[in-house]
Amino acid sequence: MIHLELTANNIYDILFHGKKLELSAGTLESVAQGFDFLSRFSKEKLIYGINTGFGPMAQYRIDDKSLNDLQYNIIRSHCTGAGGLLPDRYVKAIMLARAGTFLRGYSGIHPSVVALLAAFINSDIYPLIFEHGSVGASGDLVQLAHVALCLIGEGEVRYRGVIAPARQVFDELRLQPVRMYIREGLALLNGTSAMTGIGMINLYYAKRILGWAVIASAMVHEIVGAFDDYFSEELNASKKHRGQRLVAAQLRAVLQGAARIRKREVFFYDHKIAEDYIKDKVQEYYSIRCVPQVLGPVADAVANTEEVLINEINSASDNPVVDVRAGNVFHGGNFHGDYVSFEMDKLKIAITKLTMLAERQMNYLFHERINNLLPPFGNLGVRGLNYGLQAAQFTATSTTAESQTLSNPMYVHSIPCNNDNQDIVSMGANAALLAKTVIENAYQVMSIHFMAIVQAVDYLKIQPQLSPVTREVYEDIRAFFPVFTNDTAKHRDIARMNEYLKNNRKYDADVMM
């Protein structure tokens, strides 16, 4: 039951495990108090969005007989979304983020609005929301307008896998559409909930791919017989960055019991080296040796993203803000999405770097002239006749390149609009959507990387020497992706690997420790 604040864990349970959004009486009481206060306070006062027009039209006072129409008009006029439809889970996250804002009690809306949002969330009713439309200041107006349109019974929803008129679903479930009391129309639109909801899904998948990046790196260490000082506590403690130390600790935990990891003392310190040319590598390539230093900043970026998003989802992100305790209504810009936009840009840059690391490790495994250990491209067949994963590398390389281009920031791409009323905006929803694409790309590249890893394990026949953790991963993968020598189409294998990685929480970055 949600008493006051949403947490990363209960948000995850609602979005991924179908847990119901149960609201405590105390939480709804804060919403009711805000509504009751605004009902009294707003009489005979000029307050933006209650008896004025919106945006640059705020200079126009609206007469009393048109106040109800005003709230409906803001919803209908802003249903201008375009592009692809957001997947259901992202839509649920957006509704949950909007509920999180309302639960603060600063919006002055009737409690029935929150109750209906909860009913949509718990009944898996998904308003059709389009990707394009938000500039991320004055909130995610267009995406949230499409949610609001369904809440007033006029839009279309996906329910039980079928697109249907919202009114039809209302009738089937005996729900009542939102009624306009004071500012319900504006409150439903005016906030950062689309970028924040999309951002929360991005966060969870980013945690997961970070965990897989550590597992993949550990298995590459085992394949090449890397030295253990790369991820040793002593080396990494000499740097003060939390993320680096965390990744090194995770590598140590994953590689506990790995027979192929070598100690430098045995090879180079315990006896005199007389040879002029040392056959054993003294140090590995950076994509192996520098994993804590490369993934450490990614871990820090993910942690900071979580802090910002949880703060945002539990904040008042609309305008004006109805403050019962202060006995006042404050006008400002809490709808501005710069915090989320900036974090989404940082997150996508971090995940792109993670993707680049996986692509480089894969290239190392595929390139027999630099690893001096494995056949080219994980090819266990006849060289020249068979091609292994040669073409799969093309897919990984091109996908990584796309992510590199998409990593250009949206945060600084403000374009004035709305008759220059919105003269500096966040582009937060765009940033969140681009981060979504970058994260999806990371899973595609990581899927091919793991295909390369298990092929290498089979070529070397080192299954008994793997650590208990990596042996389990190897066996999990081989259960649906058997070892192969002959050439076959691999697109379905990539898709199956992608699903395995995305749906397996066991190795999430915050679960492994």
Protein backbone atom coordinates (compact mmCIF):
# COMPACT_ATOMS: atom_id res chain seq x y z
CA MET A 1 0.00 0.00 0.00
CA ILE A 2 1.28 3.47 -0.93
CA HIS A 3 1.22 5.72 2.10
CA LEU A 4 3.06 8.78 0.89
CA GLU A 5 5.95 8.16 -1.49
CA LEU A 6 6.61 5.82 -4.38
CA THR A 7 9.89 3.90 -4.18
CA ALA A 8 12.00 2.19 -6.82
CA ASN A 9 10.90 -1.20 -5.49
CA ASN A 10 7.15 -0.64 -5.35
CA ILE A 11 7.21 1.10 -8.74
CA TYR A 12 9.01 -1.95 -10.17
CA ASP A 13 6.48 -4.31 -8.64
CA ILE A 14 3.59 -2.37 -10.18
CA LEU A 15 5.17 -2.08 -13.62
CA PHE A 16 6.79 -5.51 -13.97
CA HIS A 17 4.92 -7.80 -11.59
CA GLY A 18 1.39 -6.46 -11.95
CA LYS A 19 1.09 -5.43 -8.31
CA LYS A 20 -1.91 -3.19 -7.64
CA LEU A 21 -1.59 0.48 -6.74
CA GLU A 22 -3.25 0.57 -3.33
CA LEU A 23 -3.61 4.02 -1.81
CA SER A 24 -3.87 4.60 1.93
CA ALA A 25 -6.69 6.73 3.31
CA GLY A 26 -4.12 9.19 4.66
CA THR A 27 -2.62 9.72 1.23
CA LEU A 28 -5.97 10.43 -0.37
CA GLU A 29 -6.79 12.75 2.51
CA SER A 30 -3.88 15.01 1.50
CA VAL A 31 -5.35 15.16 -2.01
CA ALA A 32 -8.78 16.00 -0.60
CA GLN A 33 -7.34 18.73 1.63
CA GLY A 34 -5.69 20.36 -1.38
CA PHE A 35 -8.95 20.28 -3.30
CA ASP A 36 -10.97 21.68 -0.38
CA PHE A 37 -8.47 24.48 0.19
CA LEU A 38 -8.40 25.47 -3.49
CA SER A 39 -12.21 25.45 -3.62
CA ARG A 40 -12.28 28.09 -0.88
CA PHE A 41 -9.16 30.03 -1.86
CA SER A 42 -9.93 30.44 -5.56
CA LYS A 43 -13.19 32.33 -5.09
CA GLU A 44 -13.00 35.92 -6.32
CA LYS A 45 -9.29 35.55 -7.22
CA LEU A 46 -7.53 35.51 -10.57
CA ILE A 47 -5.53 32.26 -10.73
CA TYR A 48 -3.78 30.91 -13.80
CA GLY A 49 -5.57 28.05 -15.49
CA ILE A 50 -8.66 28.35 -13.34
CA ASN A 51 -10.16 31.53 -14.72
CA THR A 52 -7.51 32.55 -17.25
CA GLY A 53 -6.46 31.21 -20.61
CA PHE A 54 -3.38 29.01 -20.95
CA GLY A 55 0.18 29.81 -21.97
CA PRO A 56 0.44 33.15 -23.79
CA MET A 57 -3.38 33.38 -23.54
CA ALA A 58 -3.10 33.79 -19.77
CA GLN A 59 -3.80 37.50 -20.16
CA TYR A 60 -7.39 36.69 -21.05
CA ARG A 61 -9.81 36.27 -18.15
CA ILE A 62 -12.43 33.57 -18.64
CA ASP A 63 -15.98 34.29 -17.50
CA ASP A 64 -17.55 32.05 -14.88
CA LYS A 65 -19.98 30.30 -17.21
CA SER A 66 -17.10 29.01 -19.36
CA LEU A 67 -14.80 27.68 -16.63
CA ASN A 68 -15.89 24.08 -17.09
CA ASP A 69 -15.42 24.26 -20.86
CA LEU A 70 -11.95 25.72 -20.29
CA GLN A 71 -10.76 22.54 -18.59
CA TYR A 72 -12.14 20.29 -21.33
CA ASN A 73 -10.71 22.51 -24.06
CA ILE A 74 -7.15 22.27 -22.75
CA ILE A 75 -7.37 18.48 -22.98
CA ARG A 76 -8.99 18.25 -26.41
CA SER A 77 -6.86 20.95 -28.02
CA HIS A 78 -3.61 19.30 -26.93
CA CYS A 79 -4.33 15.82 -28.29
CA THR A 80 -1.92 16.35 -31.18
CA GLY A 81 0.47 13.42 -30.73
CA ALA A 82 2.21 11.84 -33.70
CA GLY A 83 4.58 9.00 -34.42
CA GLY A 84 4.53 5.53 -32.94
CA LEU A 85 2.44 4.43 -29.98
CA LEU A 86 4.21 3.89 -26.69
CA PRO A 87 4.24 0.27 -25.42
CA ASP A 88 1.81 -0.55 -22.61
CA ARG A 89 4.40 -0.73 -19.83
CA TYR A 90 5.60 2.77 -20.63
CA VAL A 91 2.01 4.04 -20.63
CA LYS A 92 1.42 2.50 -17.21
CA ALA A 93 4.61 4.14 -15.95
CA ILE A 94 3.40 7.52 -17.20
CA MET A 95 0.08 7.13 -15.39
CA LEU A 96 1.88 6.03 -12.24
CA ALA A 97 4.17 9.06 -12.42
CA ARG A 98 1.15 11.33 -12.77
CA ALA A 99 -0.47 9.68 -9.76
CA GLY A 100 2.77 10.21 -7.83
CA THR A 101 2.55 13.95 -8.44
CA PHE A 102 -1.10 14.12 -7.41
CA LEU A 103 -0.44 12.18 -4.20
CA ARG A 104 1.67 15.06 -2.94
CA GLY A 105 -1.52 17.07 -2.41
CA TYR A 106 -0.22 20.15 -4.22
CA SER A 107 -2.44 19.96 -7.32
CA GLY A 108 -5.83 21.00 -5.94
CA ILE A 109 -7.64 18.26 -7.82
CA HIS A 110 -10.57 16.16 -6.71
CA PRO A 111 -9.57 12.77 -5.20
CA SER A 112 -11.71 11.00 -7.80
CA VAL A 113 -9.03 11.80 -10.40
CA VAL A 114 -6.43 9.80 -8.47
CA ALA A 115 -8.91 7.00 -7.90
CA LEU A 116 -9.61 6.74 -11.64
CA LEU A 117 -5.90 6.79 -12.49
CA ALA A 118 -5.42 3.95 -10.01
CA ALA A 119 -8.29 2.05 -11.65
CA PHE A 120 -6.65 2.43 -15.07
CA ILE A 121 -3.32 1.22 -13.67
CA ASN A 122 -4.80 -1.73 -11.77
CA SER A 123 -7.13 -2.81 -14.58
CA ASP A 124 -4.43 -2.60 -17.27
CA ILE A 125 -6.24 0.07 -19.27
CA TYR A 126 -3.72 1.79 -21.53
CA PRO A 127 -4.53 5.12 -23.19
CA LEU A 128 -3.03 5.40 -26.68
CA ILE A 129 -0.07 7.76 -26.26
CA PHE A 130 2.08 8.86 -29.18
CA GLU A 131 5.84 9.30 -28.97
CA HIS A 132 6.05 12.79 -30.41
CA GLY A 133 4.60 16.00 -29.04
CA SER A 134 6.35 17.16 -25.89
CA VAL A 135 8.97 19.89 -25.58
CA GLY A 136 9.28 19.05 -21.89
CA ALA A 137 8.36 22.38 -20.35
CA SER A 138 4.92 23.33 -19.23
CA GLY A 139 5.27 19.61 -18.87
CA ASP A 140 4.62 16.80 -21.29
CA LEU A 141 1.41 18.45 -22.43
CA VAL A 142 0.64 16.43 -25.54
CA GLN A 143 1.35 12.94 -24.19
CA LEU A 144 -0.53 13.68 -20.97
CA ALA A 145 -3.44 15.15 -22.95
CA HIS A 146 -3.93 11.75 -24.56
CA VAL A 147 -4.10 10.19 -21.08
CA ALA A 148 -6.55 12.87 -19.95
CA LEU A 149 -8.71 12.40 -23.04
CA CYS A 150 -9.28 8.79 -22.03
CA LEU A 151 -9.93 9.74 -18.41
CA ILE A 152 -12.80 11.98 -19.55
CA GLY A 153 -14.12 9.09 -21.64
CA GLU A 154 -13.32 10.44 -25.10
CA GLY A 155 -10.13 8.78 -26.23
CA GLU A 156 -9.06 5.30 -27.24
CA VAL A 157 -7.41 2.72 -25.01
CA ARG A 158 -5.82 -0.68 -25.35
CA TYR A 159 -7.63 -3.10 -23.06
CA ARG A 160 -7.10 -6.86 -23.04
CA GLY A 161 -4.96 -6.48 -26.14
CA VAL A 162 -7.66 -4.72 -28.18
CA ILE A 163 -7.94 -1.03 -29.06
CA ALA A 164 -11.37 0.25 -28.07
CA PRO A 165 -13.13 3.55 -27.31
CA ALA A 166 -12.53 4.56 -23.70
CA ARG A 167 -16.25 5.00 -23.15
CA GLN A 168 -16.85 1.35 -24.05
CA VAL A 169 -14.35 0.20 -21.41
CA PHE A 170 -15.87 2.60 -18.87
CA ASP A 171 -19.25 1.01 -19.43
CA GLU A 172 -17.86 -2.52 -19.21
CA LEU A 173 -16.07 -1.85 -15.91
CA ARG A 174 -18.70 0.56 -14.55
CA LEU A 175 -16.22 3.41 -14.20
CA GLN A 176 -17.11 7.09 -14.18
CA PRO A 177 -15.11 9.57 -16.29
CA VAL A 178 -13.26 12.44 -14.62
CA ARG A 179 -15.50 15.40 -13.83
CA MET A 180 -14.15 18.96 -14.04
CA TYR A 181 -14.37 20.78 -10.70
CA ILE A 182 -11.72 23.52 -10.63
CA ARG A 183 -8.53 22.78 -12.59
CA GLU A 184 -8.58 19.04 -13.30
CA GLY A 185 -7.93 19.53 -17.03
CA LEU A 186 -4.81 21.61 -16.56
CA ALA A 187 -3.55 19.44 -13.68
CA LEU A 188 -3.75 16.29 -15.79
CA LEU A 189 -1.60 17.84 -18.53
CA ASN A 190 0.81 20.10 -16.71
CA GLY A 191 3.80 18.10 -15.47
CA THR A 192 6.83 15.95 -16.19
CA SER A 193 5.10 12.57 -15.93
CA ALA A 194 5.69 11.30 -19.47
CA MET A 195 9.45 11.81 -19.38
CA THR A 196 9.58 10.54 -15.80
CA GLY A 197 7.53 7.42 -16.52
CA ILE A 198 9.58 6.55 -19.59
CA GLY A 199 12.68 7.34 -17.56
CA MET A 200 11.71 4.85 -14.86
CA ILE A 201 11.47 2.01 -17.39
CA ASN A 202 14.81 3.14 -18.83
CA LEU A 203 16.29 3.01 -15.34
CA TYR A 204 15.22 -0.57 -14.68
CA TYR A 205 16.51 -1.81 -18.03
CA ALA A 206 19.74 0.16 -17.56
CA LYS A 207 20.34 -1.54 -14.21
CA ARG A 208 19.82 -4.90 -15.88
CA ILE A 209 22.13 -4.31 -18.83
CA LEU A 210 24.80 -3.01 -16.45
CA GLY A 211 24.60 -6.28 -14.53
CA TRP A 212 24.91 -8.24 -17.77
CA ALA A 213 27.90 -6.12 -18.80
CA VAL A 214 29.65 -7.20 -15.61
CA ILE A 215 28.76 -10.87 -16.23
CA ALA A 216 29.94 -10.67 -19.85
CA SER A 217 33.18 -9.00 -18.81
CA ALA A 218 33.77 -11.67 -16.18
CA MET A 219 33.31 -14.42 -18.77
CA VAL A 220 35.72 -12.70 -21.15
CA HIS A 221 38.22 -12.57 -18.28
CA GLU A 222 37.80 -16.34 -17.90
CA ILE A 223 38.12 -17.03 -21.62
CA VAL A 224 41.42 -15.16 -21.92
CA GLY A 225 42.74 -16.23 -18.51
CA ALA A 226 43.07 -12.67 -17.26
CA PHE A 227 45.00 -11.64 -14.16
CA ASP A 228 43.03 -10.94 -11.01
CA ASP A 229 44.73 -7.66 -10.14
CA TYR A 230 42.61 -5.84 -12.75
CA PHE A 231 39.59 -6.11 -10.45
CA SER A 232 41.42 -6.52 -7.14
CA GLU A 233 40.20 -4.65 -4.09
CA GLU A 234 43.63 -3.12 -3.53
CA LEU A 235 43.99 -1.64 -7.01
CA ASN A 236 40.48 -0.26 -7.18
CA ALA A 237 40.48 1.05 -3.61
CA SER A 238 43.30 3.37 -4.66
CA LYS A 239 40.64 5.30 -6.60
CA LYS A 240 37.84 6.88 -4.64
CA HIS A 241 35.01 6.53 -7.15
CA ARG A 242 32.11 4.52 -5.78
CA GLY A 243 31.12 3.04 -9.14
CA GLN A 244 34.58 1.72 -9.93
CA ARG A 245 34.85 0.04 -6.54
CA LEU A 246 31.38 -1.43 -6.92
CA VAL A 247 32.05 -2.92 -10.36
CA ALA A 248 35.36 -4.37 -9.19
CA ALA A 249 33.60 -5.94 -6.21
CA GLN A 250 30.94 -7.39 -8.48
CA LEU A 251 33.60 -8.89 -10.74
CA ARG A 252 35.27 -10.47 -7.70
CA ALA A 253 31.95 -11.91 -6.57
CA VAL A 254 31.05 -13.29 -10.01
CA LEU A 255 34.51 -14.79 -10.53
CA GLN A 256 34.71 -16.46 -7.13
CA GLY A 257 35.82 -20.01 -7.87
CA ALA A 258 36.89 -19.31 -11.47
CA ALA A 259 39.78 -21.68 -12.25
CA ARG A 260 41.16 -19.79 -15.25
CA ILE A 261 41.75 -16.43 -13.55
CA ARG A 262 45.48 -16.07 -12.97
CA LYS A 263 47.58 -14.48 -10.26
CA ARG A 264 50.35 -12.20 -11.43
CA GLU A 265 52.61 -13.34 -8.62
CA VAL A 266 52.76 -16.86 -10.04
CA PHE A 267 53.66 -15.76 -13.58
CA PHE A 268 55.85 -12.70 -13.12
CA TYR A 269 56.75 -12.05 -9.49
CA ASP A 270 57.75 -15.40 -7.96
CA HIS A 271 60.66 -16.06 -10.28
CA LYS A 272 63.12 -14.18 -12.45
CA ILE A 273 62.11 -13.53 -16.06
CA ALA A 274 65.15 -13.97 -18.31
CA GLU A 275 63.52 -13.95 -21.75
CA ASP A 276 63.75 -10.83 -23.91
CA TYR A 277 60.28 -11.48 -25.34
CA ILE A 278 57.52 -12.49 -22.95
CA LYS A 279 55.00 -14.76 -24.65
CA ASP A 280 52.32 -14.34 -21.97
CA LYS A 281 50.54 -11.00 -22.11
CA VAL A 282 51.83 -8.74 -19.35
CA GLN A 283 48.67 -6.65 -19.60
CA GLU A 284 45.44 -7.23 -21.50
CA TYR A 285 43.72 -4.84 -23.90
CA TYR A 286 41.81 -2.01 -22.23
CA SER A 287 38.41 -3.59 -22.92
CA ILE A 288 39.45 -6.36 -20.50
CA ARG A 289 41.86 -4.67 -18.13
CA CYS A 290 39.84 -1.47 -17.57
CA VAL A 291 36.34 -2.84 -16.95
CA PRO A 292 35.96 -1.25 -13.47
CA GLN A 293 37.18 2.08 -14.82
CA VAL A 294 34.81 1.96 -17.83
CA LEU A 295 31.69 0.56 -16.16
CA GLY A 296 32.26 2.44 -12.90
CA PRO A 297 31.02 5.77 -14.29
CA VAL A 298 28.07 3.92 -15.83
CA ALA A 299 27.17 2.56 -12.40
CA ASP A 300 27.42 6.05 -10.91
CA ALA A 301 25.25 7.50 -13.68
CA VAL A 302 22.58 4.83 -13.13
CA ALA A 303 22.56 5.51 -9.37
CA ASN A 304 22.21 9.24 -9.92
CA THR A 305 19.43 8.69 -12.45
CA GLU A 306 17.50 6.69 -9.87
CA GLU A 307 17.83 9.43 -7.27
CA VAL A 308 16.62 12.12 -9.68
CA LEU A 309 13.68 10.09 -11.01
CA ILE A 310 12.46 9.04 -7.57
CA ASN A 311 12.66 12.66 -6.44
CA GLU A 312 10.74 13.76 -9.54
CA ILE A 313 8.00 11.16 -9.30
CA ASN A 314 7.36 12.19 -5.69
CA SER A 315 7.36 15.93 -6.44
CA ALA A 316 4.75 18.50 -7.37
CA SER A 317 5.46 18.99 -11.06
CA ASP A 318 2.52 21.12 -12.16
CA ASN A 319 1.59 24.81 -12.04
CA PRO A 320 0.30 26.54 -10.08
CA VAL A 321 1.17 24.75 -6.83
CA VAL A 322 -1.56 24.64 -4.21
CA ASP A 323 0.08 24.82 -0.78
CA VAL A 324 -2.37 24.04 2.02
CA ARG A 325 0.15 24.61 4.78
CA ALA A 326 1.22 28.01 3.48
CA GLY A 327 -2.39 28.91 2.70
CA ASN A 328 -1.43 30.13 -0.75
CA VAL A 329 -1.28 29.27 -4.45
CA PHE A 330 2.16 29.73 -5.99
CA HIS A 331 2.84 30.27 -9.70
CA GLY A 332 6.13 29.03 -11.11
CA GLY A 333 7.80 26.40 -13.27
CA ASN A 334 7.80 23.03 -11.50
CA PHE A 335 6.60 21.54 -14.79
CA HIS A 336 10.04 22.19 -16.30
CA GLY A 337 11.75 18.89 -17.09
CA ASP A 338 15.42 19.85 -17.01
CA TYR A 339 16.32 17.48 -14.17
CA VAL A 340 14.92 14.48 -16.00
CA SER A 341 16.15 15.61 -19.42
CA PHE A 342 19.71 16.04 -18.19
CA GLU A 343 19.68 12.62 -16.50
CA MET A 344 18.28 10.90 -19.58
CA ASP A 345 21.07 12.39 -21.67
CA LYS A 346 23.68 11.27 -19.15
CA LEU A 347 22.13 7.82 -18.93
CA LYS A 348 22.10 7.28 -22.69
CA ILE A 349 25.74 8.41 -22.93
CA ALA A 350 26.63 5.95 -20.16
CA ILE A 351 24.77 3.06 -21.80
CA THR A 352 26.35 3.88 -25.16
CA LYS A 353 29.78 3.56 -23.53
CA LEU A 354 28.68 0.24 -22.03
CA THR A 355 27.62 -0.85 -25.53
CA MET A 356 30.97 0.21 -26.93
CA LEU A 357 32.75 -1.88 -24.31
CA ALA A 358 30.71 -4.96 -25.22
CA GLU A 359 31.36 -4.40 -28.93
CA ARG A 360 35.11 -4.10 -28.34
CA GLN A 361 35.22 -7.21 -26.15
CA MET A 362 33.32 -9.04 -28.88
CA ASN A 363 35.80 -7.84 -31.49
CA TYR A 364 38.63 -9.15 -29.32
CA LEU A 365 37.00 -12.59 -29.18
CA PHE A 366 36.40 -12.58 -32.95
CA HIS A 367 39.87 -11.38 -34.00
CA GLU A 368 42.19 -14.40 -33.92
CA ARG A 369 45.29 -12.29 -34.65
CA ILE A 370 44.87 -10.27 -31.47
CA ASN A 371 43.57 -12.92 -29.08
CA ASN A 372 45.85 -15.74 -30.35
CA LEU A 373 43.43 -18.13 -28.74
CA LEU A 374 40.16 -18.50 -30.64
CA PRO A 375 38.99 -19.12 -34.22
CA PRO A 376 37.70 -16.06 -36.10
CA PHE A 377 34.11 -15.00 -35.41
CA GLY A 378 33.33 -17.85 -33.04
CA ASN A 379 33.40 -20.18 -36.06
CA LEU A 380 33.50 -23.79 -34.91
CA GLY A 381 33.01 -25.12 -38.46
CA VAL A 382 35.29 -25.19 -41.50
CA ARG A 383 37.04 -21.87 -42.12
CA GLY A 384 36.13 -20.42 -45.50
CA LEU A 385 33.15 -22.72 -45.83
CA ASN A 386 31.45 -21.66 -42.58
CA TYR A 387 31.25 -18.13 -41.12
CA GLY A 388 30.17 -18.38 -37.50
CA LEU A 389 29.05 -14.99 -36.18
CA GLN A 390 30.90 -12.91 -38.77
CA ALA A 391 27.76 -11.20 -40.04
CA ALA A 392 26.32 -10.86 -36.54
CA GLN A 393 29.24 -8.56 -35.81
CA PHE A 394 28.00 -6.26 -38.58
CA THR A 395 24.72 -5.91 -36.71
CA ALA A 396 26.49 -5.20 -33.44
CA THR A 397 28.82 -2.65 -35.00
CA SER A 398 26.09 -0.76 -36.85
CA THR A 399 23.83 -0.74 -33.78
CA THR A 400 26.66 0.61 -31.62
CA ALA A 401 27.30 3.34 -34.19
CA GLU A 402 23.64 4.36 -34.09
CA SER A 403 23.80 4.69 -30.31
CA GLN A 404 26.90 6.85 -30.60
CA THR A 405 25.01 9.25 -32.86
CA LEU A 406 21.90 9.21 -30.65
CA SER A 407 24.05 10.15 -27.66
CA ASN A 408 24.12 13.76 -28.73
CA PRO A 409 22.23 15.60 -25.96
CA MET A 410 18.63 16.81 -26.17
CA TYR A 411 19.04 18.86 -22.99
CA VAL A 412 20.72 21.72 -24.89
CA HIS A 413 18.44 21.55 -27.95
CA SER A 414 15.89 24.05 -26.69
CA ILE A 415 13.81 25.75 -29.39
CA PRO A 416 11.46 28.56 -28.31
CA CYS A 417 7.77 28.00 -29.09
CA ASN A 418 4.29 28.92 -27.85
CA ASN A 419 4.67 32.54 -29.03
CA ASP A 420 7.97 32.56 -27.12
CA ASN A 421 6.15 32.01 -23.83
CA GLN A 422 8.08 28.72 -23.69
CA ASP A 423 11.36 30.38 -24.57
CA ILE A 424 13.62 27.76 -22.98
CA VAL A 425 12.47 24.17 -22.74
CA SER A 426 13.91 20.83 -21.60
CA MET A 427 13.05 18.41 -24.43
CA GLY A 428 12.87 15.85 -21.62
CA ALA A 429 10.44 13.44 -23.28
CA ASN A 430 12.62 13.36 -26.39
CA ALA A 431 15.66 12.72 -24.20
CA ALA A 432 13.86 9.86 -22.46
CA LEU A 433 12.75 8.32 -25.75
CA LEU A 434 16.24 8.52 -27.22
CA ALA A 435 17.61 6.90 -24.06
CA LYS A 436 15.00 4.17 -24.54
CA THR A 437 16.33 3.48 -28.04
CA VAL A 438 19.95 3.47 -26.86
CA ILE A 439 19.11 0.99 -24.10
CA GLU A 440 17.25 -1.26 -26.54
CA ASN A 441 20.31 -1.11 -28.81
CA ALA A 442 22.53 -2.12 -25.91
CA TYR A 443 20.51 -5.29 -25.41
CA GLN A 444 20.84 -6.18 -29.08
CA VAL A 445 24.62 -5.78 -29.00
CA MET A 446 24.89 -7.62 -25.68
CA SER A 447 22.82 -10.47 -27.12
CA ILE A 448 25.36 -11.00 -29.92
CA HIS A 449 28.21 -10.62 -27.44
CA PHE A 450 26.88 -13.46 -25.29
CA MET A 451 26.50 -15.62 -28.40
CA ALA A 452 30.20 -15.01 -29.05
CA ILE A 453 31.10 -15.75 -25.44
CA VAL A 454 29.42 -19.14 -25.25
CA GLN A 455 30.88 -20.16 -28.61
CA ALA A 456 34.34 -19.32 -27.22
CA VAL A 457 33.66 -21.35 -24.08
CA ASP A 458 32.70 -24.36 -26.20
CA TYR A 459 35.73 -24.02 -28.46
CA LEU A 460 38.09 -23.99 -25.45
CA LYS A 461 36.02 -26.64 -23.60
CA ILE A 462 36.43 -24.70 -20.35
CA GLN A 463 32.96 -25.24 -18.91
CA PRO A 464 34.28 -27.06 -15.81
CA GLN A 465 36.69 -24.19 -15.13
CA LEU A 466 34.04 -21.45 -15.09
CA SER A 467 32.92 -19.92 -11.82
CA PRO A 468 29.61 -21.17 -10.41
CA VAL A 469 27.90 -17.94 -11.48
CA THR A 470 29.21 -17.88 -15.04
CA ARG A 471 28.69 -21.63 -15.45
CA GLU A 472 25.02 -21.11 -14.61
CA VAL A 473 24.74 -18.32 -17.17
CA TYR A 474 26.46 -20.47 -19.78
CA GLU A 475 24.04 -23.36 -19.15
CA ASP A 476 21.02 -21.05 -19.18
CA ILE A 477 22.03 -19.73 -22.60
CA ARG A 478 22.91 -23.08 -24.08
CA ALA A 479 19.46 -24.35 -23.11
CA PHE A 480 17.92 -22.17 -25.86
CA PHE A 481 20.98 -21.37 -28.01
CA PRO A 482 22.85 -24.64 -28.66
CA VAL A 483 26.44 -24.75 -29.83
CA PHE A 484 26.60 -24.56 -33.64
CA THR A 485 29.08 -25.32 -36.39
CA ASN A 486 26.95 -25.08 -39.54
CA ASP A 487 25.66 -21.73 -40.76
CA THR A 488 22.02 -20.94 -39.96
CA ALA A 489 19.94 -17.77 -39.83
CA LYS A 490 20.65 -16.06 -36.50
CA HIS A 491 17.99 -13.33 -36.27
CA ARG A 492 15.67 -15.47 -34.15
CA ASP A 493 18.56 -16.47 -31.89
CA ILE A 494 19.39 -12.81 -31.34
CA ALA A 495 15.75 -12.11 -30.47
CA ARG A 496 15.62 -15.04 -28.01
CA MET A 497 18.85 -13.91 -26.37
CA ASN A 498 17.46 -10.39 -26.12
CA GLU A 499 14.37 -11.68 -24.33
CA TYR A 500 16.49 -13.75 -21.95
CA LEU A 501 18.62 -10.76 -21.00
CA LYS A 502 15.70 -8.33 -20.64
CA ASN A 503 13.51 -10.65 -18.59
CA ASN A 504 16.12 -12.01 -16.17
CA ARG A 505 16.47 -9.85 -13.07
CA LYS A 506 18.83 -12.19 -11.25
CA TYR A 507 21.94 -10.31 -12.36
CA ASP A 508 20.68 -6.72 -12.16
CA ALA A 509 23.43 -4.35 -11.07
CA ASP A 510 21.72 -3.70 -7.71
CA VAL A 511 20.84 -7.35 -7.11
CA MET A 512 24.23 -9.04 -7.57
CA MET A 513 25.79 -7.62 -4.41
